[in-house]
Amino acid sequence: MNKQHVIEIMALASGITQREAKLALNAFTDAVQVTLQNNGKVSLVGFGNFSTRHRAERIGRNPQTGEPLTIPAATISEFFGRK
């Protein structure tokens, strides 16, 4: 399922236009993105949780040469969905 398909389903299910559904979906995804950028957590009961976490710099190995290399620190996004 892609974004356009979600928009079509939202429009049909709620009786709104696809343009209105797209605006609603964009507002939702923008709110989630801003929350995660501010180190927040988003929990949707019955769906899942979105969060970010910091991964520290670490030493890895180049798989082709075996030489050590530094993997930089990063902030990663996580999604834990309902099972």
C-alpha atoms as a PDB file:
ATOM      1  CA  MET A   1       0.000   0.000   0.000  1.00  0.00           C
ATOM      2  CA  ASN A   2       1.354   3.405  -0.897  1.00  0.00           C
ATOM      3  CA  LYS A   3       0.389   6.923   0.148  1.00  0.00           C
ATOM      4  CA  GLN A   4      -2.048   7.422  -2.744  1.00  0.00           C
ATOM      5  CA  HIS A   5      -3.853   4.217  -1.865  1.00  0.00           C
ATOM      6  CA  VAL A   6      -4.196   5.350   1.761  1.00  0.00           C
ATOM      7  CA  ILE A   7      -5.609   8.683   0.548  1.00  0.00           C
ATOM      8  CA  GLU A   8      -8.167   6.911  -1.639  1.00  0.00           C
ATOM      9  CA  ILE A   9      -9.265   4.638   1.223  1.00  0.00           C
ATOM     10  CA  MET A  10      -9.513   7.565   3.652  1.00  0.00           C
ATOM     11  CA  ALA A  11     -11.621   9.536   1.176  1.00  0.00           C
ATOM     12  CA  LEU A  12     -14.007   6.649   0.512  1.00  0.00           C
ATOM     13  CA  ALA A  13     -14.340   5.647   4.170  1.00  0.00           C
ATOM     14  CA  SER A  14     -14.985   9.159   5.446  1.00  0.00           C
ATOM     15  CA  GLY A  15     -16.982  10.668   2.575  1.00  0.00           C
ATOM     16  CA  ILE A  16     -14.470  13.436   1.902  1.00  0.00           C
ATOM     17  CA  THR A  17     -12.612  14.304  -1.271  1.00  0.00           C
ATOM     18  CA  GLN A  18      -9.196  12.884  -2.051  1.00  0.00           C
ATOM     19  CA  ARG A  19      -7.784  16.409  -1.749  1.00  0.00           C
ATOM     20  CA  GLU A  20      -9.171  16.708   1.785  1.00  0.00           C
ATOM     21  CA  ALA A  21      -7.914  13.227   2.660  1.00  0.00           C
ATOM     22  CA  LYS A  22      -4.447  14.140   1.369  1.00  0.00           C
ATOM     23  CA  LEU A  23      -4.436  17.305   3.513  1.00  0.00           C
ATOM     24  CA  ALA A  24      -5.466  15.276   6.577  1.00  0.00           C
ATOM     25  CA  LEU A  25      -2.843  12.594   5.976  1.00  0.00           C
ATOM     26  CA  ASN A  26      -0.129  15.208   5.412  1.00  0.00           C
ATOM     27  CA  ALA A  27      -1.135  16.998   8.626  1.00  0.00           C
ATOM     28  CA  PHE A  28      -0.859  13.711  10.525  1.00  0.00           C
ATOM     29  CA  THR A  29       2.526  12.727   9.076  1.00  0.00           C
ATOM     30  CA  ASP A  30       3.866  16.256   9.634  1.00  0.00           C
ATOM     31  CA  ALA A  31       2.774  16.129  13.298  1.00  0.00           C
ATOM     32  CA  VAL A  32       4.474  12.740  13.777  1.00  0.00           C
ATOM     33  CA  GLN A  33       7.646  13.992  12.091  1.00  0.00           C
ATOM     34  CA  VAL A  34       7.844  17.151  14.221  1.00  0.00           C
ATOM     35  CA  THR A  35       7.242  15.149  17.406  1.00  0.00           C
ATOM     36  CA  LEU A  36      10.013  12.685  16.537  1.00  0.00           C
ATOM     37  CA  GLN A  37      12.412  15.491  15.586  1.00  0.00           C
ATOM     38  CA  ASN A  38      11.860  16.905  19.076  1.00  0.00           C
ATOM     39  CA  ASN A  39      12.726  13.514  20.645  1.00  0.00           C
ATOM     40  CA  GLY A  40       9.072  12.793  21.385  1.00  0.00           C
ATOM     41  CA  LYS A  41       7.214   9.515  21.132  1.00  0.00           C
ATOM     42  CA  VAL A  42       3.983   8.822  19.251  1.00  0.00           C
ATOM     43  CA  SER A  43       1.720   6.015  20.478  1.00  0.00           C
ATOM     44  CA  LEU A  44      -1.338   4.966  18.494  1.00  0.00           C
ATOM     45  CA  VAL A  45      -3.280   2.409  20.524  1.00  0.00           C
ATOM     46  CA  GLY A  46      -4.044  -0.639  18.399  1.00  0.00           C
ATOM     47  CA  PHE A  47      -1.507   0.354  15.736  1.00  0.00           C
ATOM     48  CA  GLY A  48       1.962   0.922  17.144  1.00  0.00           C
ATOM     49  CA  ASN A  49       4.586   3.253  18.569  1.00  0.00           C
ATOM     50  CA  PHE A  50       6.976   5.596  16.783  1.00  0.00           C
ATOM     51  CA  SER A  51      10.123   6.842  18.497  1.00  0.00           C
ATOM     52  CA  THR A  52      13.722   7.833  17.898  1.00  0.00           C
ATOM     53  CA  ARG A  53      16.876   6.912  19.729  1.00  0.00           C
ATOM     54  CA  HIS A  54      20.506   7.940  19.619  1.00  0.00           C
ATOM     55  CA  ARG A  55      23.069   5.395  18.484  1.00  0.00           C
ATOM     56  CA  ALA A  56      26.619   6.196  19.638  1.00  0.00           C
ATOM     57  CA  GLU A  57      29.661   6.262  17.396  1.00  0.00           C
ATOM     58  CA  ARG A  58      31.258   2.835  17.131  1.00  0.00           C
ATOM     59  CA  ILE A  59      33.998   0.891  15.406  1.00  0.00           C
ATOM     60  CA  GLY A  60      33.027  -1.471  12.592  1.00  0.00           C
ATOM     61  CA  ARG A  61      34.844  -3.363   9.875  1.00  0.00           C
ATOM     62  CA  ASN A  62      34.838  -2.931   6.123  1.00  0.00           C
ATOM     63  CA  PRO A  63      33.400  -6.273   4.952  1.00  0.00           C
ATOM     64  CA  GLN A  64      35.531  -6.309   1.783  1.00  0.00           C
ATOM     65  CA  THR A  65      38.912  -5.459   3.318  1.00  0.00           C
ATOM     66  CA  GLY A  66      38.410  -6.251   6.997  1.00  0.00           C
ATOM     67  CA  GLU A  67      39.904  -2.872   7.933  1.00  0.00           C
ATOM     68  CA  PRO A  68      38.400  -1.078  10.952  1.00  0.00           C
ATOM     69  CA  LEU A  69      36.333   2.039  10.304  1.00  0.00           C
ATOM     70  CA  THR A  70      34.408   4.488  12.429  1.00  0.00           C
ATOM     71  CA  ILE A  71      30.640   4.385  12.090  1.00  0.00           C
ATOM     72  CA  PRO A  72      29.355   7.845  13.060  1.00  0.00           C
ATOM     73  CA  ALA A  73      26.744   8.505  15.731  1.00  0.00           C
ATOM     74  CA  ALA A  74      23.200   8.719  14.422  1.00  0.00           C
ATOM     75  CA  THR A  75      19.614   9.235  15.445  1.00  0.00           C
ATOM     76  CA  ILE A  76      17.451   6.391  14.199  1.00  0.00           C
ATOM     77  CA  SER A  77      13.679   6.086  13.874  1.00  0.00           C
ATOM     78  CA  GLU A  78      11.901   3.069  15.280  1.00  0.00           C
ATOM     79  CA  PHE A  79       8.427   1.685  14.783  1.00  0.00           C
ATOM     80  CA  PHE A  80       7.008  -1.029  16.977  1.00  0.00           C
ATOM     81  CA  GLY A  81       3.781  -2.220  15.421  1.00  0.00           C
ATOM     82  CA  ARG A  82       0.992  -4.294  16.771  1.00  0.00           C
ATOM     83  CA  LYS A  83       1.491  -8.018  16.336  1.00  0.00           C
END
